[in-house]
């Protein structure tokens, strides 16, 4: 699976703590390993309501990541950060 990253994701990722980056790495490895439903349960993946094709997953209690498939084998990481801020601009 190919992973692409938006500029917004890059900027937001830089603001994460070392612990949050480590948690992200574990989650992205699971997402690549289980890219299709049923997703790995600890990722807590769900579609974002009202926006077609964009998903969110929980990195920890506060951090969310948004992403979408731009092709069947290409994952675009859109945004990452605090829950409300990230989901208001997926």
PDB file of N, CA and C in Angstrom:
ATOM      1  N   UNK A   1       0.836  -1.178   0.000  1.00  0.00           N
ATOM      2  CA  UNK A   1       0.000   0.000   0.000  1.00  0.00           C
ATOM      3  C   UNK A   1       0.885   1.247   0.000  1.00  0.00           C
ATOM      4  N   UNK A   2       0.559   2.159  -0.870  1.00  0.00           N
ATOM      5  CA  UNK A   2       1.271   3.443  -0.934  1.00  0.00           C
ATOM      6  C   UNK A   2       0.582   4.431   0.005  1.00  0.00           C
ATOM      7  N   UNK A   3       1.379   5.221   0.697  1.00  0.00           N
ATOM      8  CA  UNK A   3       0.833   6.240   1.601  1.00  0.00           C
ATOM      9  C   UNK A   3       1.283   7.609   1.116  1.00  0.00           C
ATOM     10  N   UNK A   4       0.319   8.497   0.935  1.00  0.00           N
ATOM     11  CA  UNK A   4       0.605   9.887   0.577  1.00  0.00           C
ATOM     12  C   UNK A   4       0.150  10.776   1.727  1.00  0.00           C
ATOM     13  N   UNK A   5       0.760  11.941   1.816  1.00  0.00           N
ATOM     14  CA  UNK A   5       0.508  12.825   2.954  1.00  0.00           C
ATOM     15  C   UNK A   5       0.242  14.245   2.454  1.00  0.00           C
ATOM     16  N   UNK A   6      -0.803  14.866   2.974  1.00  0.00           N
ATOM     17  CA  UNK A   6      -1.084  16.258   2.618  1.00  0.00           C
ATOM     18  C   UNK A   6      -0.136  17.185   3.383  1.00  0.00           C
ATOM     19  N   UNK A   7       0.006  18.394   2.894  1.00  0.00           N
ATOM     20  CA  UNK A   7       0.827  19.385   3.604  1.00  0.00           C
ATOM     21  C   UNK A   7       0.242  19.691   4.983  1.00  0.00           C
ATOM     22  N   UNK A   8      -1.076  19.722   5.078  1.00  0.00           N
ATOM     23  CA  UNK A   8      -1.731  19.960   6.371  1.00  0.00           C
ATOM     24  C   UNK A   8      -1.359  18.858   7.365  1.00  0.00           C
ATOM     25  N   UNK A   9      -1.339  17.609   6.903  1.00  0.00           N
ATOM     26  CA  UNK A   9      -0.957  16.499   7.777  1.00  0.00           C
ATOM     27  C   UNK A   9       0.487  16.680   8.243  1.00  0.00           C
ATOM     28  N   UNK A  10       1.375  17.045   7.328  1.00  0.00           N
ATOM     29  CA  UNK A  10       2.788  17.241   7.695  1.00  0.00           C
ATOM     30  C   UNK A  10       2.928  18.295   8.791  1.00  0.00           C
ATOM     31  N   UNK A  11       2.247  19.426   8.625  1.00  0.00           N
ATOM     32  CA  UNK A  11       2.316  20.500   9.624  1.00  0.00           C
ATOM     33  C   UNK A  11       1.753  20.041  10.966  1.00  0.00           C
ATOM     34  N   UNK A  12       0.619  19.383  10.932  1.00  0.00           N
ATOM     35  CA  UNK A  12      -0.023  18.922  12.170  1.00  0.00           C
ATOM     36  C   UNK A  12       0.807  17.851  12.863  1.00  0.00           C
ATOM     37  N   UNK A  13       1.427  16.985  12.082  1.00  0.00           N
ATOM     38  CA  UNK A  13       2.239  15.905  12.648  1.00  0.00           C
ATOM     39  C   UNK A  13       3.424  16.474  13.425  1.00  0.00           C
ATOM     40  N   UNK A  14       4.017  17.538  12.917  1.00  0.00           N
ATOM     41  CA  UNK A  14       5.163  18.161  13.593  1.00  0.00           C
ATOM     42  C   UNK A  14       4.796  18.684  14.982  1.00  0.00           C
ATOM     43  N   UNK A  15       3.531  19.016  15.181  1.00  0.00           N
ATOM     44  CA  UNK A  15       3.087  19.551  16.474  1.00  0.00           C
ATOM     45  C   UNK A  15       2.821  18.455  17.511  1.00  0.00           C
ATOM     46  N   UNK A  16       2.847  17.192  17.097  1.00  0.00           N
ATOM     47  CA  UNK A  16       2.585  16.094  18.030  1.00  0.00           C
ATOM     48  C   UNK A  16       3.775  15.850  18.942  1.00  0.00           C
ATOM     49  N   UNK A  17       3.494  15.330  20.116  1.00  0.00           N
ATOM     50  CA  UNK A  17       4.563  14.956  21.046  1.00  0.00           C
ATOM     51  C   UNK A  17       5.232  13.666  20.569  1.00  0.00           C
ATOM     52  N   UNK A  18       6.361  13.344  21.156  1.00  0.00           N
ATOM     53  CA  UNK A  18       7.074  12.110  20.821  1.00  0.00           C
ATOM     54  C   UNK A  18       6.181  10.899  21.085  1.00  0.00           C
ATOM     55  N   UNK A  19       5.475  10.907  22.207  1.00  0.00           N
ATOM     56  CA  UNK A  19       4.568   9.800  22.559  1.00  0.00           C
ATOM     57  C   UNK A  19       3.462   9.650  21.512  1.00  0.00           C
ATOM     58  N   UNK A  20       2.899  10.767  21.085  1.00  0.00           N
ATOM     59  CA  UNK A  20       1.826  10.732  20.085  1.00  0.00           C
ATOM     60  C   UNK A  20       2.346  10.237  18.742  1.00  0.00           C
ATOM     61  N   UNK A  21       3.561  10.611  18.385  1.00  0.00           N
ATOM     62  CA  UNK A  21       4.159  10.122  17.138  1.00  0.00           C
ATOM     63  C   UNK A  21       4.384   8.617  17.185  1.00  0.00           C
ATOM     64  N   UNK A  22       4.814   8.105  18.334  1.00  0.00           N
ATOM     65  CA  UNK A  22       5.005   6.659  18.490  1.00  0.00           C
ATOM     66  C   UNK A  22       3.673   5.929  18.346  1.00  0.00           C
ATOM     67  N   UNK A  23       2.641   6.467  18.964  1.00  0.00           N
ATOM     68  CA  UNK A  23       1.309   5.859  18.863  1.00  0.00           C
ATOM     69  C   UNK A  23       0.824   5.883  17.415  1.00  0.00           C
ATOM     70  N   UNK A  24       1.073   6.991  16.714  1.00  0.00           N
ATOM     71  CA  UNK A  24       0.702   7.085  15.303  1.00  0.00           C
ATOM     72  C   UNK A  24       1.389   5.988  14.507  1.00  0.00           C
ATOM     73  N   UNK A  25       2.679   5.790  14.733  1.00  0.00           N
ATOM     74  CA  UNK A  25       3.432   4.787  13.978  1.00  0.00           C
ATOM     75  C   UNK A  25       2.808   3.403  14.142  1.00  0.00           C
ATOM     76  N   UNK A  26       2.438   3.051  15.357  1.00  0.00           N
ATOM     77  CA  UNK A  26       1.797   1.749  15.601  1.00  0.00           C
ATOM     78  C   UNK A  26       0.466   1.653  14.856  1.00  0.00           C
ATOM     79  N   UNK A  27      -0.293   2.734  14.885  1.00  0.00           N
ATOM     80  CA  UNK A  27      -1.598   2.719  14.227  1.00  0.00           C
ATOM     81  C   UNK A  27      -1.473   2.641  12.712  1.00  0.00           C
ATOM     82  N   UNK A  28      -0.534   3.352  12.138  1.00  0.00           N
ATOM     83  CA  UNK A  28      -0.403   3.327  10.680  1.00  0.00           C
ATOM     84  C   UNK A  28       0.073   1.952  10.216  1.00  0.00           C
ATOM     85  N   UNK A  29       0.916   1.295  11.016  1.00  0.00           N
ATOM     86  CA  UNK A  29       1.342  -0.067  10.676  1.00  0.00           C
ATOM     87  C   UNK A  29       0.142  -1.012  10.651  1.00  0.00           C
ATOM     88  N   UNK A  30      -0.757  -0.881  11.621  1.00  0.00           N
ATOM     89  CA  UNK A  30      -1.964  -1.716  11.641  1.00  0.00           C
ATOM     90  C   UNK A  30      -2.893  -1.384  10.480  1.00  0.00           C
ATOM     91  N   UNK A  31      -3.013  -0.114  10.151  1.00  0.00           N
ATOM     92  CA  UNK A  31      -3.877   0.290   9.049  1.00  0.00           C
ATOM     93  C   UNK A  31      -3.365  -0.267   7.724  1.00  0.00           C
ATOM     94  N   UNK A  32      -2.058  -0.263   7.538  1.00  0.00           N
ATOM     95  CA  UNK A  32      -1.479  -0.817   6.311  1.00  0.00           C
ATOM     96  C   UNK A  32      -1.665  -2.335   6.274  1.00  0.00           C
ATOM     97  N   UNK A  33      -1.547  -2.966   7.430  1.00  0.00           N
ATOM     98  CA  UNK A  33      -1.699  -4.424   7.506  1.00  0.00           C
ATOM     99  C   UNK A  33      -3.156  -4.848   7.303  1.00  0.00           C
ATOM    100  N   UNK A  34      -4.099  -4.043   7.799  1.00  0.00           N
ATOM    101  CA  UNK A  34      -5.536  -4.326   7.685  1.00  0.00           C
ATOM    102  C   UNK A  34      -6.235  -3.143   7.012  1.00  0.00           C
ATOM    103  N   UNK A  35      -5.996  -2.937   5.704  1.00  0.00           N
ATOM    104  CA  UNK A  35      -6.487  -1.723   5.050  1.00  0.00           C
ATOM    105  C   UNK A  35      -7.976  -1.713   4.702  1.00  0.00           C
ATOM    106  N   UNK A  36      -8.629  -2.854   4.813  1.00  0.00           N
ATOM    107  CA  UNK A  36     -10.038  -2.936   4.427  1.00  0.00           C
ATOM    108  C   UNK A  36     -10.872  -3.509   5.565  1.00  0.00           C
ATOM    109  N   UNK A  37     -12.174  -3.204   5.554  1.00  0.00           N
ATOM    110  CA  UNK A  37     -13.038  -3.785   6.584  1.00  0.00           C
ATOM    111  C   UNK A  37     -12.991  -5.310   6.525  1.00  0.00           C
ATOM    112  N   UNK A  38     -13.024  -5.992   7.651  1.00  0.00           N
ATOM    113  CA  UNK A  38     -13.061  -5.404   8.984  1.00  0.00           C
ATOM    114  C   UNK A  38     -11.689  -4.875   9.389  1.00  0.00           C
ATOM    115  N   UNK A  39     -11.628  -3.624   9.797  1.00  0.00           N
ATOM    116  CA  UNK A  39     -10.380  -3.013  10.237  1.00  0.00           C
ATOM    117  C   UNK A  39      -9.976  -3.593  11.586  1.00  0.00           C
ATOM    118  N   UNK A  40      -8.715  -3.406  11.931  1.00  0.00           N
ATOM    119  CA  UNK A  40      -8.235  -3.868  13.230  1.00  0.00           C
ATOM    120  C   UNK A  40      -8.998  -3.100  14.320  1.00  0.00           C
ATOM    121  N   UNK A  41      -9.597  -3.797  15.291  1.00  0.00           N
ATOM    122  CA  UNK A  41     -10.503  -3.150  16.262  1.00  0.00           C
ATOM    123  C   UNK A  41      -9.914  -1.974  17.039  1.00  0.00           C
ATOM    124  N   UNK A  42      -8.651  -2.049  17.435  1.00  0.00           N
ATOM    125  CA  UNK A  42      -8.095  -0.970  18.266  1.00  0.00           C
ATOM    126  C   UNK A  42      -7.940   0.344  17.508  1.00  0.00           C
ATOM    127  N   UNK A  43      -8.059   0.317  16.183  1.00  0.00           N
ATOM    128  CA  UNK A  43      -7.970   1.553  15.407  1.00  0.00           C
ATOM    129  C   UNK A  43      -9.234   2.407  15.554  1.00  0.00           C
ATOM    130  N   UNK A  44     -10.331   1.789  15.913  1.00  0.00           N
ATOM    131  CA  UNK A  44     -11.606   2.491  16.086  1.00  0.00           C
ATOM    132  C   UNK A  44     -11.916   3.386  14.876  1.00  0.00           C
ATOM    133  N   UNK A  45     -11.914   2.774  13.719  1.00  0.00           N
ATOM    134  CA  UNK A  45     -12.151   3.501  12.470  1.00  0.00           C
ATOM    135  C   UNK A  45     -13.641   3.663  12.227  1.00  0.00           C
ATOM    136  N   UNK A  46     -13.995   4.871  11.779  1.00  0.00           N
ATOM    137  CA  UNK A  46     -15.363   5.105  11.335  1.00  0.00           C
ATOM    138  C   UNK A  46     -15.355   6.166  10.246  1.00  0.00           C
ATOM    139  N   UNK A  47     -16.392   6.122   9.417  1.00  0.00           N
ATOM    140  CA  UNK A  47     -16.542   7.135   8.376  1.00  0.00           C
ATOM    141  C   UNK A  47     -16.972   8.443   9.022  1.00  0.00           C
ATOM    142  N   UNK A  48     -16.499   9.534   8.460  1.00  0.00           N
ATOM    143  CA  UNK A  48     -16.927  10.849   8.932  1.00  0.00           C
ATOM    144  C   UNK A  48     -18.271  11.162   8.284  1.00  0.00           C
ATOM    145  N   UNK A  49     -19.262  11.434   9.109  1.00  0.00           N
ATOM    146  CA  UNK A  49     -20.602  11.718   8.598  1.00  0.00           C
ATOM    147  C   UNK A  49     -20.615  13.006   7.785  1.00  0.00           C
ATOM    148  N   UNK A  50     -21.322  12.943   6.672  1.00  0.00           N
ATOM    149  CA  UNK A  50     -21.510  14.126   5.853  1.00  0.00           C
ATOM    150  C   UNK A  50     -20.383  14.409   4.873  1.00  0.00           C
ATOM    151  N   UNK A  51     -19.318  13.609   4.911  1.00  0.00           N
ATOM    152  CA  UNK A  51     -18.201  13.807   3.983  1.00  0.00           C
ATOM    153  C   UNK A  51     -17.875  12.455   3.367  1.00  0.00           C
ATOM    154  N   UNK A  52     -18.158  12.302   2.123  1.00  0.00           N
ATOM    155  CA  UNK A  52     -18.009  11.020   1.450  1.00  0.00           C
ATOM    156  C   UNK A  52     -16.550  10.576   1.345  1.00  0.00           C
ATOM    157  N   UNK A  53     -16.290   9.343   1.750  1.00  0.00           N
ATOM    158  CA  UNK A  53     -14.992   8.723   1.528  1.00  0.00           C
ATOM    159  C   UNK A  53     -13.890   9.069   2.508  1.00  0.00           C
ATOM    160  N   UNK A  54     -14.176   9.848   3.539  1.00  0.00           N
ATOM    161  CA  UNK A  54     -13.140  10.211   4.508  1.00  0.00           C
ATOM    162  C   UNK A  54     -13.406   9.475   5.817  1.00  0.00           C
ATOM    163  N   UNK A  55     -12.342   8.901   6.361  1.00  0.00           N
ATOM    164  CA  UNK A  55     -12.420   8.119   7.583  1.00  0.00           C
ATOM    165  C   UNK A  55     -11.639   8.810   8.694  1.00  0.00           C
ATOM    166  N   UNK A  56     -11.964   8.431   9.920  1.00  0.00           N
ATOM    167  CA  UNK A  56     -11.180   8.878  11.072  1.00  0.00           C
ATOM    168  C   UNK A  56     -10.795   7.659  11.886  1.00  0.00           C
ATOM    169  N   UNK A  57      -9.687   7.764  12.596  1.00  0.00           N
ATOM    170  CA  UNK A  57      -9.330   6.737  13.568  1.00  0.00           C
ATOM    171  C   UNK A  57      -8.704   7.421  14.773  1.00  0.00           C
ATOM    172  N   UNK A  58      -8.790   6.728  15.888  1.00  0.00           N
ATOM    173  CA  UNK A  58      -8.271   7.251  17.150  1.00  0.00           C
ATOM    174  C   UNK A  58      -6.831   6.816  17.332  1.00  0.00           C
ATOM    175  N   UNK A  59      -5.954   7.778  17.556  1.00  0.00           N
ATOM    176  CA  UNK A  59      -4.567   7.464  17.881  1.00  0.00           C
ATOM    177  C   UNK A  59      -4.457   7.250  19.393  1.00  0.00           C
ATOM    178  N   UNK A  60      -5.137   8.089  20.147  1.00  0.00           N
ATOM    179  CA  UNK A  60      -5.286   7.922  21.600  1.00  0.00           C
ATOM    180  C   UNK A  60      -6.588   8.623  21.996  1.00  0.00           C
ATOM    181  N   UNK A  61      -6.790   8.893  23.262  1.00  0.00           N
ATOM    182  CA  UNK A  61      -8.052   9.505  23.693  1.00  0.00           C
ATOM    183  C   UNK A  61      -8.269  10.898  23.112  1.00  0.00           C
ATOM    184  N   UNK A  62      -7.193  11.614  22.820  1.00  0.00           N
ATOM    185  CA  UNK A  62      -7.307  12.993  22.336  1.00  0.00           C
ATOM    186  C   UNK A  62      -7.017  13.163  20.852  1.00  0.00           C
ATOM    187  N   UNK A  63      -6.165  12.334  20.298  1.00  0.00           N
ATOM    188  CA  UNK A  63      -5.666  12.537  18.939  1.00  0.00           C
ATOM    189  C   UNK A  63      -6.450  11.705  17.928  1.00  0.00           C
ATOM    190  N   UNK A  64      -6.872  12.377  16.838  1.00  0.00           N
ATOM    191  CA  UNK A  64      -7.556  11.715  15.737  1.00  0.00           C
ATOM    192  C   UNK A  64      -6.781  11.950  14.454  1.00  0.00           C
ATOM    193  N   UNK A  65      -6.909  10.992  13.557  1.00  0.00           N
ATOM    194  CA  UNK A  65      -6.295  11.095  12.238  1.00  0.00           C
ATOM    195  C   UNK A  65      -7.402  10.904  11.206  1.00  0.00           C
ATOM    196  N   UNK A  66      -7.364  11.706  10.145  1.00  0.00           N
ATOM    197  CA  UNK A  66      -8.310  11.530   9.051  1.00  0.00           C
ATOM    198  C   UNK A  66      -7.553  11.098   7.809  1.00  0.00           C
ATOM    199  N   UNK A  67      -8.229  10.276   7.010  1.00  0.00           N
ATOM    200  CA  UNK A  67      -7.600   9.735   5.815  1.00  0.00           C
ATOM    201  C   UNK A  67      -8.665   9.279   4.829  1.00  0.00           C
ATOM    202  N   UNK A  68      -8.219   8.993   3.612  1.00  0.00           N
ATOM    203  CA  UNK A  68      -9.119   8.488   2.584  1.00  0.00           C
ATOM    204  C   UNK A  68      -8.325   7.647   1.590  1.00  0.00           C
ATOM    205  N   UNK A  69      -9.036   6.793   0.889  1.00  0.00           N
ATOM    206  CA  UNK A  69      -8.432   6.063  -0.218  1.00  0.00           C
ATOM    207  C   UNK A  69      -8.577   6.930  -1.454  1.00  0.00           C
ATOM    208  N   UNK A  70      -7.468   7.189  -2.147  1.00  0.00           N
ATOM    209  CA  UNK A  70      -7.581   7.907  -3.417  1.00  0.00           C
ATOM    210  C   UNK A  70      -7.505   6.922  -4.581  1.00  0.00           C
ATOM    211  N   UNK A  71      -7.042   5.721  -4.296  1.00  0.00           N
ATOM    212  CA  UNK A  71      -7.116   4.554  -5.179  1.00  0.00           C
ATOM    213  C   UNK A  71      -7.216   3.360  -4.250  1.00  0.00           C
ATOM    214  N   UNK A  72      -7.506   2.194  -4.786  1.00  0.00           N
ATOM    215  CA  UNK A  72      -7.688   1.027  -3.920  1.00  0.00           C
ATOM    216  C   UNK A  72      -6.433   0.683  -3.130  1.00  0.00           C
ATOM    217  N   UNK A  73      -5.272   1.060  -3.652  1.00  0.00           N
ATOM    218  CA  UNK A  73      -4.016   0.743  -2.962  1.00  0.00           C
ATOM    219  C   UNK A  73      -3.230   1.987  -2.555  1.00  0.00           C
ATOM    220  N   UNK A  74      -3.897   3.145  -2.526  1.00  0.00           N
ATOM    221  CA  UNK A  74      -3.242   4.406  -2.148  1.00  0.00           C
ATOM    222  C   UNK A  74      -4.056   5.081  -1.046  1.00  0.00           C
ATOM    223  N   UNK A  75      -3.389   5.317   0.068  1.00  0.00           N
ATOM    224  CA  UNK A  75      -4.000   5.929   1.242  1.00  0.00           C
ATOM    225  C   UNK A  75      -3.482   7.361   1.367  1.00  0.00           C
ATOM    226  N   UNK A  76      -4.381   8.323   1.482  1.00  0.00           N
ATOM    227  CA  UNK A  76      -3.998   9.725   1.657  1.00  0.00           C
ATOM    228  C   UNK A  76      -4.275  10.134   3.097  1.00  0.00           C
ATOM    229  N   UNK A  77      -3.223  10.443   3.842  1.00  0.00           N
ATOM    230  CA  UNK A  77      -3.357  10.938   5.211  1.00  0.00           C
ATOM    231  C   UNK A  77      -3.652  12.427   5.131  1.00  0.00           C
ATOM    232  N   UNK A  78      -4.811  12.840   5.637  1.00  0.00           N
ATOM    233  CA  UNK A  78      -5.299  14.201   5.462  1.00  0.00           C
ATOM    234  C   UNK A  78      -4.976  15.134   6.619  1.00  0.00           C
ATOM    235  N   UNK A  79      -5.219  14.670   7.861  1.00  0.00           N
ATOM    236  CA  UNK A  79      -5.033  15.544   9.016  1.00  0.00           C
ATOM    237  C   UNK A  79      -4.827  14.695  10.268  1.00  0.00           C
ATOM    238  N   UNK A  80      -4.193  15.273  11.268  1.00  0.00           N
ATOM    239  CA  UNK A  80      -3.980  14.597  12.547  1.00  0.00           C
ATOM    240  C   UNK A  80      -3.895  15.667  13.627  1.00  0.00           C
ATOM    241  N   UNK A  81      -4.450  15.373  14.785  1.00  0.00           N
ATOM    242  CA  UNK A  81      -4.374  16.325  15.889  1.00  0.00           C
ATOM    243  C   UNK A  81      -5.496  16.116  16.887  1.00  0.00           C
ATOM    244  N   UNK A  82      -5.727  17.123  17.716  1.00  0.00           N
ATOM    245  CA  UNK A  82      -6.765  17.070  18.745  1.00  0.00           C
ATOM    246  C   UNK A  82      -8.127  16.793  18.103  1.00  0.00           C
ATOM    247  N   UNK A  83      -8.946  16.055  18.806  1.00  0.00           N
ATOM    248  CA  UNK A  83     -10.216  15.546  18.294  1.00  0.00           C
ATOM    249  C   UNK A  83     -11.056  16.608  17.585  1.00  0.00           C
ATOM    250  N   UNK A  84     -11.502  17.632  18.285  1.00  0.00           N
ATOM    251  CA  UNK A  84     -12.422  18.611  17.710  1.00  0.00           C
ATOM    252  C   UNK A  84     -11.801  19.388  16.557  1.00  0.00           C
ATOM    253  N   UNK A  85     -10.575  19.793  16.718  1.00  0.00           N
ATOM    254  CA  UNK A  85      -9.907  20.591  15.683  1.00  0.00           C
ATOM    255  C   UNK A  85      -9.714  19.781  14.404  1.00  0.00           C
ATOM    256  N   UNK A  86      -9.309  18.530  14.559  1.00  0.00           N
ATOM    257  CA  UNK A  86      -9.054  17.683  13.396  1.00  0.00           C
ATOM    258  C   UNK A  86     -10.344  17.334  12.675  1.00  0.00           C
ATOM    259  N   UNK A  87     -11.372  16.983  13.416  1.00  0.00           N
ATOM    260  CA  UNK A  87     -12.618  16.569  12.783  1.00  0.00           C
ATOM    261  C   UNK A  87     -13.417  17.734  12.220  1.00  0.00           C
ATOM    262  N   UNK A  88     -13.129  18.952  12.647  1.00  0.00           N
ATOM    263  CA  UNK A  88     -13.803  20.111  12.061  1.00  0.00           C
ATOM    264  C   UNK A  88     -13.188  20.483  10.716  1.00  0.00           C
ATOM    265  N   UNK A  89     -12.001  19.962  10.424  1.00  0.00           N
ATOM    266  CA  UNK A  89     -11.318  20.222   9.157  1.00  0.00           C
ATOM    267  C   UNK A  89     -10.607  18.939   8.708  1.00  0.00           C
ATOM    268  N   UNK A  90     -11.397  17.914   8.335  1.00  0.00           N
ATOM    269  CA  UNK A  90     -10.787  16.609   8.043  1.00  0.00           C
ATOM    270  C   UNK A  90      -9.946  16.625   6.795  1.00  0.00           C
TER     271      UNK A  90
END
